[in-house]
Amino acid sequence: MNPATQRPATREVGAVRRAAPRPPPRSPQKVPRGVFRGTGRGRSDHGFGTVELVLLVPAIVLAVLLVVAVGRVEQARLQVTGAARDSARAASLDGMA
């Protein structure tokens, strides 16, 4: 017989077939202190956002400062290149006069 098609256990009482009595419902389990019902999270998760913030903010600030530093170095390089070009042009024009 296929287990998926089996009927629940029954007990015959006289001519009427009744389903077997269900066991009494379990009493609600006690919830330990600090555990919230329905969330599946305990008190150990409190403050985790603060820890993430403390760890991530310095990394983000460091990344921003790195971008600023790279920009300043690139600007200085362009200024030196421009000054060298201008001085080379001025030196070449002095020889023509």
Protein backbone atom coordinates (compact mmCIF):
# COMPACT_ATOMS: atom_id res chain seq x y z
CA MET A 1 0.00 0.00 0.00
CA ASN A 2 1.25 3.47 -0.85
CA PRO A 3 2.09 5.45 2.37
CA ALA A 4 0.85 8.69 0.79
CA THR A 5 -2.66 7.27 0.37
CA GLN A 6 -2.96 5.63 3.81
CA ARG A 7 -5.71 6.84 6.07
CA PRO A 8 -4.98 8.02 9.61
CA ALA A 9 -5.22 5.41 12.32
CA THR A 10 -8.84 4.84 13.29
CA ARG A 11 -10.63 3.10 16.08
CA GLU A 12 -13.93 1.42 15.54
CA VAL A 13 -16.61 2.23 18.07
CA GLY A 14 -19.76 0.35 17.34
CA ALA A 15 -20.73 1.03 13.75
CA VAL A 16 -19.07 4.49 13.68
CA ARG A 17 -15.42 4.82 12.72
CA ARG A 18 -13.67 7.67 14.45
CA ALA A 19 -10.19 8.99 14.01
CA ALA A 20 -7.74 8.20 16.77
CA PRO A 21 -7.70 10.90 19.46
CA ARG A 22 -5.01 13.49 19.10
CA PRO A 23 -2.47 13.88 21.86
CA PRO A 24 -3.04 16.89 24.12
CA PRO A 25 -1.34 20.09 22.97
CA ARG A 26 2.08 20.77 24.39
CA SER A 27 2.41 23.41 26.99
CA PRO A 28 4.21 26.50 25.69
CA GLN A 29 7.93 26.26 26.14
CA LYS A 30 9.58 28.71 28.41
CA VAL A 31 11.60 31.28 26.52
CA PRO A 32 15.00 32.02 28.08
CA ARG A 33 15.65 35.57 29.21
CA GLY A 34 16.94 37.80 26.45
CA VAL A 35 15.47 35.76 23.62
CA PHE A 36 12.73 37.43 21.63
CA ARG A 37 9.83 35.38 20.37
CA GLY A 38 9.39 35.16 16.63
CA THR A 39 12.67 36.80 15.66
CA GLY A 40 15.02 33.88 16.16
CA ARG A 41 17.62 36.32 17.46
CA GLY A 42 19.03 36.40 20.93
CA ARG A 43 20.38 39.23 22.99
CA SER A 44 23.88 38.50 21.65
CA ASP A 45 22.89 40.27 18.40
CA HIS A 46 22.27 43.58 20.13
CA GLY A 47 24.86 46.20 19.25
CA PHE A 48 26.04 44.37 16.16
CA GLY A 49 25.16 47.37 13.99
CA THR A 50 27.36 49.54 16.17
CA VAL A 51 30.26 47.15 15.73
CA GLU A 52 29.79 47.20 11.96
CA LEU A 53 29.70 50.99 12.01
CA VAL A 54 32.86 51.21 14.10
CA LEU A 55 34.68 48.87 11.71
CA LEU A 56 33.40 50.33 8.44
CA VAL A 57 33.60 54.09 9.07
CA PRO A 58 37.42 54.18 9.34
CA ALA A 59 37.72 52.11 6.15
CA ILE A 60 35.38 54.46 4.28
CA VAL A 61 37.20 57.56 5.58
CA LEU A 62 40.53 56.00 4.57
CA ALA A 63 39.20 55.32 1.06
CA VAL A 64 38.01 58.93 0.70
CA LEU A 65 41.35 60.28 1.92
CA LEU A 66 43.16 57.99 -0.52
CA VAL A 67 41.10 59.34 -3.42
CA VAL A 68 41.85 62.92 -2.34
CA ALA A 69 45.58 62.16 -2.04
CA VAL A 70 45.72 60.57 -5.49
CA GLY A 71 43.92 63.60 -6.93
CA ARG A 72 46.41 65.99 -5.34
CA VAL A 73 49.39 63.99 -6.64
CA GLU A 74 47.91 63.97 -10.14
CA GLN A 75 47.29 67.72 -9.99
CA ALA A 76 50.90 68.34 -8.91
CA ARG A 77 52.17 66.13 -11.74
CA LEU A 78 50.14 68.10 -14.28
CA GLN A 79 51.46 71.39 -12.89
CA VAL A 80 55.07 70.21 -13.19
CA THR A 81 54.44 68.96 -16.74
CA GLY A 82 52.84 72.30 -17.68
CA ALA A 83 55.70 74.29 -16.15
CA ALA A 84 58.29 72.18 -18.03
CA ARG A 85 56.41 72.69 -21.29
CA ASP A 86 56.16 76.46 -20.74
CA SER A 87 59.85 76.78 -19.86
CA ALA A 88 60.91 74.71 -22.88
CA ARG A 89 58.76 76.90 -25.15
CA ALA A 90 60.19 80.07 -23.63
CA ALA A 91 63.76 78.77 -24.05
CA SER A 92 63.13 77.89 -27.70
CA LEU A 93 61.64 81.32 -28.42
CA ASP A 94 64.62 83.15 -26.84
CA GLY A 95 66.99 81.55 -29.31
CA MET A 96 64.92 82.77 -32.28
CA ALA A 97 65.08 86.44 -31.47
